[in-house]
Amino acid sequence: MRLYKNLFALEALSFDLDDTLYANSQVIAAAELAMQQRLTQLKPDLPHNDPQYWWQQRKLLAAQNAEIRHDVSRWRLLAVEQGLVAQGLSTCEAGEVAELALGAFLQERTNISVSVEVKQLLATLASRFPLVAITNGNADIQRMGIAPYFQFALRAGPDGRMKPYPDLFHHAARRLGLEPGQILHIGDHVRSDVLGALNAGCQAAWLNPANSPQPQTAKPPLVLPHVELSDLAQLLFLQRG
């Protein structure tokens, strides 16, 4: 643990989900594959059904409407629909097929195994602090089996613009009845988690198990977190108030 700034009195903790409480890259890869397999079942003659094609559709959609990026599920849904129409499906049929494909994606997307150690850690922390989850993604804490440890979860799109915008952090503070500065946000991403929390007036803990270069070495330079963690278990040293 490295302390860069004094930690002020803490009344709640907020957690990022993906790559903070569990590794996410293989989860997303499996979900992408499940979506493509579902599309193959529904439309076996599609000329294009590969990750690069669907990513290009998402980029095209974001270029037309940048705000769609704040809701990753809707962004993916509309990109698949757009990509199907581009391959000759009617708008009506494309919408129906896209819904089924997204369903396959989300089912696999939430097939996440949170370790026993992390669950035990969350249980201990939840006995000391209110915990909330704040994510830019579409992971479901209910289906992951960690909902009992959290007061609530906020997701970009339905609950506000994605991190590093301050919306989700301010939303959490309002629901908790706290000032943002009373909340410590823990996350792995320097921009969305650290910079986002600081922009919102929260305190920030950067999870850096790989000992990556410190945030001030990033380009452009980013503001330092209050504390850097090499392991989530270091949060056990925190005390409320």
C-alpha atoms as a PDB file:
ATOM      1  CA  MET A   1       0.000   0.000   0.000  1.00  0.00           C
ATOM      2  CA  ARG A   2       1.239   3.487  -0.893  1.00  0.00           C
ATOM      3  CA  LEU A   3      -0.377   6.551   0.623  1.00  0.00           C
ATOM      4  CA  TYR A   4      -0.173   9.636  -1.586  1.00  0.00           C
ATOM      5  CA  LYS A   5      -2.633  11.883   0.258  1.00  0.00           C
ATOM      6  CA  ASN A   6      -4.166  11.888   3.699  1.00  0.00           C
ATOM      7  CA  LEU A   7      -7.365   9.879   3.858  1.00  0.00           C
ATOM      8  CA  PHE A   8     -10.191  11.841   5.431  1.00  0.00           C
ATOM      9  CA  ALA A   9     -12.963  10.289   7.528  1.00  0.00           C
ATOM     10  CA  LEU A  10     -14.591   7.458   5.558  1.00  0.00           C
ATOM     11  CA  GLU A  11     -18.275   6.628   5.785  1.00  0.00           C
ATOM     12  CA  ALA A  12     -18.721   4.357   2.732  1.00  0.00           C
ATOM     13  CA  LEU A  13     -16.794   2.443   0.069  1.00  0.00           C
ATOM     14  CA  SER A  14     -17.652   2.175  -3.606  1.00  0.00           C
ATOM     15  CA  PHE A  15     -16.225  -0.517  -5.851  1.00  0.00           C
ATOM     16  CA  ASP A  16     -15.659  -0.838  -9.550  1.00  0.00           C
ATOM     17  CA  LEU A  17     -16.515  -4.373 -10.699  1.00  0.00           C
ATOM     18  CA  ASP A  18     -14.693  -5.479 -13.867  1.00  0.00           C
ATOM     19  CA  ASP A  19     -10.990  -6.186 -13.278  1.00  0.00           C
ATOM     20  CA  THR A  20     -11.299  -4.962  -9.698  1.00  0.00           C
ATOM     21  CA  LEU A  21     -13.238  -7.785  -8.031  1.00  0.00           C
ATOM     22  CA  TYR A  22     -12.482 -10.363 -10.764  1.00  0.00           C
ATOM     23  CA  ALA A  23     -10.611 -10.740 -14.061  1.00  0.00           C
ATOM     24  CA  ASN A  24     -12.843  -9.663 -16.928  1.00  0.00           C
ATOM     25  CA  SER A  25     -11.092 -10.214 -20.263  1.00  0.00           C
ATOM     26  CA  GLN A  26     -11.978 -13.908 -20.589  1.00  0.00           C
ATOM     27  CA  VAL A  27     -15.549 -13.182 -19.489  1.00  0.00           C
ATOM     28  CA  ILE A  28     -16.031 -10.679 -22.303  1.00  0.00           C
ATOM     29  CA  ALA A  29     -14.390 -13.005 -24.833  1.00  0.00           C
ATOM     30  CA  ALA A  30     -16.779 -15.815 -23.855  1.00  0.00           C
ATOM     31  CA  ALA A  31     -19.762 -13.447 -24.064  1.00  0.00           C
ATOM     32  CA  GLU A  32     -18.711 -12.251 -27.517  1.00  0.00           C
ATOM     33  CA  LEU A  33     -18.446 -15.858 -28.659  1.00  0.00           C
ATOM     34  CA  ALA A  34     -21.869 -16.700 -27.234  1.00  0.00           C
ATOM     35  CA  MET A  35     -23.386 -13.784 -29.149  1.00  0.00           C
ATOM     36  CA  GLN A  36     -21.764 -14.855 -32.418  1.00  0.00           C
ATOM     37  CA  GLN A  37     -22.868 -18.464 -31.937  1.00  0.00           C
ATOM     38  CA  ARG A  38     -26.441 -17.337 -31.316  1.00  0.00           C
ATOM     39  CA  LEU A  39     -26.355 -15.241 -34.464  1.00  0.00           C
ATOM     40  CA  THR A  40     -25.049 -18.239 -36.419  1.00  0.00           C
ATOM     41  CA  GLN A  41     -27.955 -20.340 -35.123  1.00  0.00           C
ATOM     42  CA  LEU A  42     -30.490 -17.689 -36.070  1.00  0.00           C
ATOM     43  CA  LYS A  43     -28.922 -16.558 -39.339  1.00  0.00           C
ATOM     44  CA  PRO A  44     -26.388 -19.125 -40.596  1.00  0.00           C
ATOM     45  CA  ASP A  45     -25.878 -17.351 -43.924  1.00  0.00           C
ATOM     46  CA  LEU A  46     -24.640 -14.036 -42.547  1.00  0.00           C
ATOM     47  CA  PRO A  47     -21.581 -12.975 -44.564  1.00  0.00           C
ATOM     48  CA  HIS A  48     -20.147 -11.094 -41.582  1.00  0.00           C
ATOM     49  CA  ASN A  49     -20.246 -12.393 -38.029  1.00  0.00           C
ATOM     50  CA  ASP A  50     -16.904 -11.838 -36.348  1.00  0.00           C
ATOM     51  CA  PRO A  51     -15.635  -9.606 -33.505  1.00  0.00           C
ATOM     52  CA  GLN A  52     -14.007  -7.088 -35.838  1.00  0.00           C
ATOM     53  CA  TYR A  53     -17.216  -6.578 -37.832  1.00  0.00           C
ATOM     54  CA  TRP A  54     -19.333  -5.986 -34.725  1.00  0.00           C
ATOM     55  CA  TRP A  55     -16.721  -3.677 -33.242  1.00  0.00           C
ATOM     56  CA  GLN A  56     -16.730  -1.628 -36.447  1.00  0.00           C
ATOM     57  CA  GLN A  57     -20.515  -1.367 -36.186  1.00  0.00           C
ATOM     58  CA  ARG A  58     -20.180  -0.050 -32.656  1.00  0.00           C
ATOM     59  CA  LYS A  59     -17.610   2.513 -33.799  1.00  0.00           C
ATOM     60  CA  LEU A  60     -19.903   3.659 -36.599  1.00  0.00           C
ATOM     61  CA  LEU A  61     -22.814   4.008 -34.222  1.00  0.00           C
ATOM     62  CA  ALA A  62     -20.727   5.951 -31.695  1.00  0.00           C
ATOM     63  CA  ALA A  63     -19.572   8.294 -34.455  1.00  0.00           C
ATOM     64  CA  GLN A  64     -23.229   9.035 -35.209  1.00  0.00           C
ATOM     65  CA  ASN A  65     -24.264   9.365 -31.555  1.00  0.00           C
ATOM     66  CA  ALA A  66     -21.458   9.673 -29.009  1.00  0.00           C
ATOM     67  CA  GLU A  67     -23.887   9.547 -26.073  1.00  0.00           C
ATOM     68  CA  ILE A  68     -24.782   5.917 -26.867  1.00  0.00           C
ATOM     69  CA  ARG A  69     -21.428   4.862 -25.365  1.00  0.00           C
ATOM     70  CA  HIS A  70     -22.731   5.606 -21.882  1.00  0.00           C
ATOM     71  CA  ASP A  71     -25.024   2.558 -22.016  1.00  0.00           C
ATOM     72  CA  VAL A  72     -22.923  -0.359 -23.217  1.00  0.00           C
ATOM     73  CA  SER A  73     -25.826  -2.820 -23.462  1.00  0.00           C
ATOM     74  CA  ARG A  74     -27.936  -0.522 -25.620  1.00  0.00           C
ATOM     75  CA  TRP A  75     -24.857   0.403 -27.651  1.00  0.00           C
ATOM     76  CA  ARG A  76     -24.178  -3.252 -28.399  1.00  0.00           C
ATOM     77  CA  LEU A  77     -27.838  -3.970 -29.164  1.00  0.00           C
ATOM     78  CA  LEU A  78     -28.213  -1.122 -31.652  1.00  0.00           C
ATOM     79  CA  ALA A  79     -24.844  -1.904 -33.257  1.00  0.00           C
ATOM     80  CA  VAL A  80     -25.880  -5.522 -33.877  1.00  0.00           C
ATOM     81  CA  GLU A  81     -29.208  -4.349 -35.275  1.00  0.00           C
ATOM     82  CA  GLN A  82     -27.430  -1.869 -37.552  1.00  0.00           C
ATOM     83  CA  GLY A  83     -24.956  -4.529 -38.693  1.00  0.00           C
ATOM     84  CA  LEU A  84     -27.757  -6.946 -39.529  1.00  0.00           C
ATOM     85  CA  VAL A  85     -29.654  -4.347 -41.537  1.00  0.00           C
ATOM     86  CA  ALA A  86     -26.420  -3.649 -43.436  1.00  0.00           C
ATOM     87  CA  GLN A  87     -26.376  -7.361 -44.348  1.00  0.00           C
ATOM     88  CA  GLY A  88     -29.873  -7.328 -45.807  1.00  0.00           C
ATOM     89  CA  LEU A  89     -32.254  -8.005 -42.907  1.00  0.00           C
ATOM     90  CA  SER A  90     -35.338  -5.868 -42.506  1.00  0.00           C
ATOM     91  CA  THR A  91     -35.377  -3.417 -39.612  1.00  0.00           C
ATOM     92  CA  CYS A  92     -38.051  -5.467 -37.851  1.00  0.00           C
ATOM     93  CA  GLU A  93     -36.249  -8.789 -38.206  1.00  0.00           C
ATOM     94  CA  ALA A  94     -32.892  -7.239 -37.342  1.00  0.00           C
ATOM     95  CA  GLY A  95     -34.349  -5.881 -34.110  1.00  0.00           C
ATOM     96  CA  GLU A  96     -35.709  -9.270 -33.088  1.00  0.00           C
ATOM     97  CA  VAL A  97     -32.491 -11.119 -33.916  1.00  0.00           C
ATOM     98  CA  ALA A  98     -30.379  -8.487 -32.166  1.00  0.00           C
ATOM     99  CA  GLU A  99     -32.427  -8.855 -28.970  1.00  0.00           C
ATOM    100  CA  LEU A 100     -31.842 -12.618 -28.957  1.00  0.00           C
ATOM    101  CA  ALA A 101     -28.136 -12.187 -29.662  1.00  0.00           C
ATOM    102  CA  LEU A 102     -27.778  -9.655 -26.850  1.00  0.00           C
ATOM    103  CA  GLY A 103     -29.578 -12.043 -24.520  1.00  0.00           C
ATOM    104  CA  ALA A 104     -26.958 -14.703 -25.236  1.00  0.00           C
ATOM    105  CA  PHE A 105     -24.202 -12.164 -24.649  1.00  0.00           C
ATOM    106  CA  LEU A 106     -25.603 -11.009 -21.306  1.00  0.00           C
ATOM    107  CA  GLN A 107     -26.215 -14.546 -20.076  1.00  0.00           C
ATOM    108  CA  GLU A 108     -22.552 -15.412 -20.583  1.00  0.00           C
ATOM    109  CA  ARG A 109     -21.429 -11.933 -19.513  1.00  0.00           C
ATOM    110  CA  THR A 110     -22.702 -12.525 -15.996  1.00  0.00           C
ATOM    111  CA  ASN A 111     -21.247 -16.011 -15.738  1.00  0.00           C
ATOM    112  CA  ILE A 112     -18.600 -14.607 -13.407  1.00  0.00           C
ATOM    113  CA  SER A 113     -16.885 -16.431 -10.596  1.00  0.00           C
ATOM    114  CA  VAL A 114     -15.917 -14.175  -7.696  1.00  0.00           C
ATOM    115  CA  SER A 115     -13.342 -15.849  -5.488  1.00  0.00           C
ATOM    116  CA  VAL A 116     -14.123 -16.978  -1.968  1.00  0.00           C
ATOM    117  CA  GLU A 117     -11.396 -14.650  -0.709  1.00  0.00           C
ATOM    118  CA  VAL A 118     -12.997 -11.604  -2.339  1.00  0.00           C
ATOM    119  CA  LYS A 119     -16.420 -12.553  -0.993  1.00  0.00           C
ATOM    120  CA  GLN A 120     -14.992 -12.905   2.503  1.00  0.00           C
ATOM    121  CA  LEU A 121     -13.296  -9.533   2.140  1.00  0.00           C
ATOM    122  CA  LEU A 122     -16.539  -7.901   1.015  1.00  0.00           C
ATOM    123  CA  ALA A 123     -18.398  -9.470   3.926  1.00  0.00           C
ATOM    124  CA  THR A 124     -15.888  -8.075   6.403  1.00  0.00           C
ATOM    125  CA  LEU A 125     -15.899  -4.623   4.843  1.00  0.00           C
ATOM    126  CA  ALA A 126     -19.704  -4.609   4.691  1.00  0.00           C
ATOM    127  CA  SER A 127     -19.758  -5.058   8.466  1.00  0.00           C
ATOM    128  CA  ARG A 128     -17.832  -1.790   8.779  1.00  0.00           C
ATOM    129  CA  PHE A 129     -19.024   0.361   5.874  1.00  0.00           C
ATOM    130  CA  PRO A 130     -21.954   0.659   3.481  1.00  0.00           C
ATOM    131  CA  LEU A 131     -20.678  -0.740   0.166  1.00  0.00           C
ATOM    132  CA  VAL A 132     -21.907   0.240  -3.289  1.00  0.00           C
ATOM    133  CA  ALA A 133     -20.924  -0.941  -6.765  1.00  0.00           C
ATOM    134  CA  ILE A 134     -20.308   1.591  -9.547  1.00  0.00           C
ATOM    135  CA  THR A 135     -19.654   0.177 -13.011  1.00  0.00           C
ATOM    136  CA  ASN A 136     -19.423   1.326 -16.602  1.00  0.00           C
ATOM    137  CA  GLY A 137     -20.278  -2.208 -17.703  1.00  0.00           C
ATOM    138  CA  ASN A 138     -23.278  -4.499 -17.502  1.00  0.00           C
ATOM    139  CA  ALA A 139     -22.215  -7.056 -14.899  1.00  0.00           C
ATOM    140  CA  ASP A 140     -25.021  -8.089 -12.528  1.00  0.00           C
ATOM    141  CA  ILE A 141     -24.139  -8.365  -8.838  1.00  0.00           C
ATOM    142  CA  GLN A 142     -27.254 -10.460  -8.211  1.00  0.00           C
ATOM    143  CA  ARG A 143     -26.220 -13.137 -10.688  1.00  0.00           C
ATOM    144  CA  MET A 144     -22.637 -13.025  -9.424  1.00  0.00           C
ATOM    145  CA  GLY A 145     -23.787 -13.802  -5.907  1.00  0.00           C
ATOM    146  CA  ILE A 146     -22.310 -10.693  -4.293  1.00  0.00           C
ATOM    147  CA  ALA A 147     -25.449  -8.549  -3.980  1.00  0.00           C
ATOM    148  CA  PRO A 148     -25.843  -9.251  -0.218  1.00  0.00           C
ATOM    149  CA  TYR A 149     -22.652  -7.295   0.464  1.00  0.00           C
ATOM    150  CA  PHE A 150     -23.792  -4.137  -1.330  1.00  0.00           C
ATOM    151  CA  GLN A 151     -26.390  -1.504  -0.527  1.00  0.00           C
ATOM    152  CA  PHE A 152     -27.012  -1.048  -4.252  1.00  0.00           C
ATOM    153  CA  ALA A 153     -25.277  -1.051  -7.653  1.00  0.00           C
ATOM    154  CA  LEU A 154     -25.180   1.771 -10.191  1.00  0.00           C
ATOM    155  CA  ARG A 155     -24.553   1.223 -13.882  1.00  0.00           C
ATOM    156  CA  ALA A 156     -23.606   3.695 -16.591  1.00  0.00           C
ATOM    157  CA  GLY A 157     -26.546   4.362 -18.883  1.00  0.00           C
ATOM    158  CA  PRO A 158     -29.586   3.826 -16.675  1.00  0.00           C
ATOM    159  CA  ASP A 159     -28.008   5.631 -13.710  1.00  0.00           C
ATOM    160  CA  GLY A 160     -25.935   8.343 -15.401  1.00  0.00           C
ATOM    161  CA  ARG A 161     -23.038   8.931 -17.731  1.00  0.00           C
ATOM    162  CA  MET A 162     -20.066   6.592 -17.537  1.00  0.00           C
ATOM    163  CA  LYS A 163     -17.028   7.218 -15.387  1.00  0.00           C
ATOM    164  CA  PRO A 164     -14.966   9.446 -15.390  1.00  0.00           C
ATOM    165  CA  TYR A 165     -18.040  11.698 -15.535  1.00  0.00           C
ATOM    166  CA  PRO A 166     -19.139  12.400 -11.952  1.00  0.00           C
ATOM    167  CA  ASP A 167     -22.775  11.297 -12.389  1.00  0.00           C
ATOM    168  CA  LEU A 168     -22.553   7.815 -10.859  1.00  0.00           C
ATOM    169  CA  PHE A 169     -20.459   8.976  -7.907  1.00  0.00           C
ATOM    170  CA  HIS A 170     -22.858  11.828  -7.137  1.00  0.00           C
ATOM    171  CA  HIS A 171     -25.815   9.472  -7.522  1.00  0.00           C
ATOM    172  CA  ALA A 172     -24.235   7.116  -4.984  1.00  0.00           C
ATOM    173  CA  ALA A 173     -23.562   9.942  -2.523  1.00  0.00           C
ATOM    174  CA  ARG A 174     -27.169  11.143  -2.734  1.00  0.00           C
ATOM    175  CA  ARG A 175     -28.565   7.668  -2.128  1.00  0.00           C
ATOM    176  CA  LEU A 176     -26.234   7.127   0.807  1.00  0.00           C
ATOM    177  CA  GLY A 177     -26.993  10.551   2.257  1.00  0.00           C
ATOM    178  CA  LEU A 178     -23.291  11.425   2.311  1.00  0.00           C
ATOM    179  CA  GLU A 179     -20.968  14.028   0.889  1.00  0.00           C
ATOM    180  CA  PRO A 180     -18.810  12.674  -1.989  1.00  0.00           C
ATOM    181  CA  GLY A 181     -15.678  13.256   0.075  1.00  0.00           C
ATOM    182  CA  GLN A 182     -16.886  10.733   2.647  1.00  0.00           C
ATOM    183  CA  ILE A 183     -16.735   7.943   0.044  1.00  0.00           C
ATOM    184  CA  LEU A 184     -13.593   6.046  -0.988  1.00  0.00           C
ATOM    185  CA  HIS A 185     -13.873   4.577  -4.479  1.00  0.00           C
ATOM    186  CA  ILE A 186     -11.762   1.519  -5.303  1.00  0.00           C
ATOM    187  CA  GLY A 187     -10.977   0.617  -8.897  1.00  0.00           C
ATOM    188  CA  ASP A 188      -8.306  -0.610 -11.287  1.00  0.00           C
ATOM    189  CA  HIS A 189      -8.644   1.995 -14.025  1.00  0.00           C
ATOM    190  CA  VAL A 190      -6.631   5.191 -13.667  1.00  0.00           C
ATOM    191  CA  ARG A 191      -8.917   7.294 -15.834  1.00  0.00           C
ATOM    192  CA  SER A 192     -12.427   6.022 -15.170  1.00  0.00           C
ATOM    193  CA  ASP A 193     -11.963   5.101 -11.506  1.00  0.00           C
ATOM    194  CA  VAL A 194      -9.244   7.363 -10.100  1.00  0.00           C
ATOM    195  CA  LEU A 195      -9.833  10.475 -12.170  1.00  0.00           C
ATOM    196  CA  GLY A 196     -13.593   9.915 -12.118  1.00  0.00           C
ATOM    197  CA  ALA A 197     -13.722   9.660  -8.332  1.00  0.00           C
ATOM    198  CA  LEU A 198     -11.507  12.702  -7.845  1.00  0.00           C
ATOM    199  CA  ASN A 199     -13.528  14.750 -10.343  1.00  0.00           C
ATOM    200  CA  ALA A 200     -16.643  13.921  -8.326  1.00  0.00           C
ATOM    201  CA  GLY A 201     -15.021  14.969  -5.052  1.00  0.00           C
ATOM    202  CA  CYS A 202     -14.619  11.420  -3.739  1.00  0.00           C
ATOM    203  CA  GLN A 203     -11.476   9.873  -2.353  1.00  0.00           C
ATOM    204  CA  ALA A 204      -9.783   7.347  -4.637  1.00  0.00           C
ATOM    205  CA  ALA A 205      -7.947   4.049  -4.182  1.00  0.00           C
ATOM    206  CA  TRP A 206      -6.129   2.677  -7.235  1.00  0.00           C
ATOM    207  CA  LEU A 207      -5.871  -1.113  -7.361  1.00  0.00           C
ATOM    208  CA  ASN A 208      -2.564  -1.874  -9.056  1.00  0.00           C
ATOM    209  CA  PRO A 209      -1.639  -5.533  -8.465  1.00  0.00           C
ATOM    210  CA  ALA A 210       0.680  -5.628 -11.484  1.00  0.00           C
ATOM    211  CA  ASN A 211       2.713  -2.686 -10.155  1.00  0.00           C
ATOM    212  CA  SER A 212       2.067  -0.639 -13.294  1.00  0.00           C
ATOM    213  CA  PRO A 213       3.680   2.807 -13.614  1.00  0.00           C
ATOM    214  CA  GLN A 214       2.238   5.345 -11.218  1.00  0.00           C
ATOM    215  CA  PRO A 215      -0.638   7.497 -12.509  1.00  0.00           C
ATOM    216  CA  GLN A 216       1.432  10.662 -12.797  1.00  0.00           C
ATOM    217  CA  THR A 217       3.505   8.976 -15.526  1.00  0.00           C
ATOM    218  CA  ALA A 218       0.432   8.519 -17.744  1.00  0.00           C
ATOM    219  CA  LYS A 219      -0.002  10.661 -20.829  1.00  0.00           C
ATOM    220  CA  PRO A 220      -1.710  13.025 -20.335  1.00  0.00           C
ATOM    221  CA  PRO A 221      -0.727  13.187 -16.652  1.00  0.00           C
ATOM    222  CA  LEU A 222      -3.481  12.228 -14.245  1.00  0.00           C
ATOM    223  CA  VAL A 223      -4.103  13.325 -10.682  1.00  0.00           C
ATOM    224  CA  LEU A 224      -2.788  10.912  -8.057  1.00  0.00           C
ATOM    225  CA  PRO A 225      -5.138   8.724  -6.026  1.00  0.00           C
ATOM    226  CA  HIS A 226      -5.226   9.031  -2.282  1.00  0.00           C
ATOM    227  CA  VAL A 227      -3.887   5.499  -1.942  1.00  0.00           C
ATOM    228  CA  GLU A 228      -2.484   2.773  -4.197  1.00  0.00           C
ATOM    229  CA  LEU A 229      -3.263  -0.866  -3.389  1.00  0.00           C
ATOM    230  CA  SER A 230      -1.354  -3.918  -4.542  1.00  0.00           C
ATOM    231  CA  ASP A 231      -4.045  -6.192  -3.062  1.00  0.00           C
ATOM    232  CA  LEU A 232      -7.676  -5.657  -2.128  1.00  0.00           C
ATOM    233  CA  ALA A 233      -6.977  -7.218   1.279  1.00  0.00           C
ATOM    234  CA  GLN A 234      -5.144  -4.014   2.200  1.00  0.00           C
ATOM    235  CA  LEU A 235      -8.576  -2.406   2.546  1.00  0.00           C
ATOM    236  CA  LEU A 236      -8.916  -4.284   5.840  1.00  0.00           C
ATOM    237  CA  PHE A 237      -6.685  -1.607   7.405  1.00  0.00           C
ATOM    238  CA  LEU A 238      -9.381   1.016   6.799  1.00  0.00           C
ATOM    239  CA  GLN A 239     -11.546   2.201   9.651  1.00  0.00           C
ATOM    240  CA  ARG A 240     -14.830   4.055   9.451  1.00  0.00           C
ATOM    241  CA  GLY A 241     -15.069   7.687  10.499  1.00  0.00           C
END
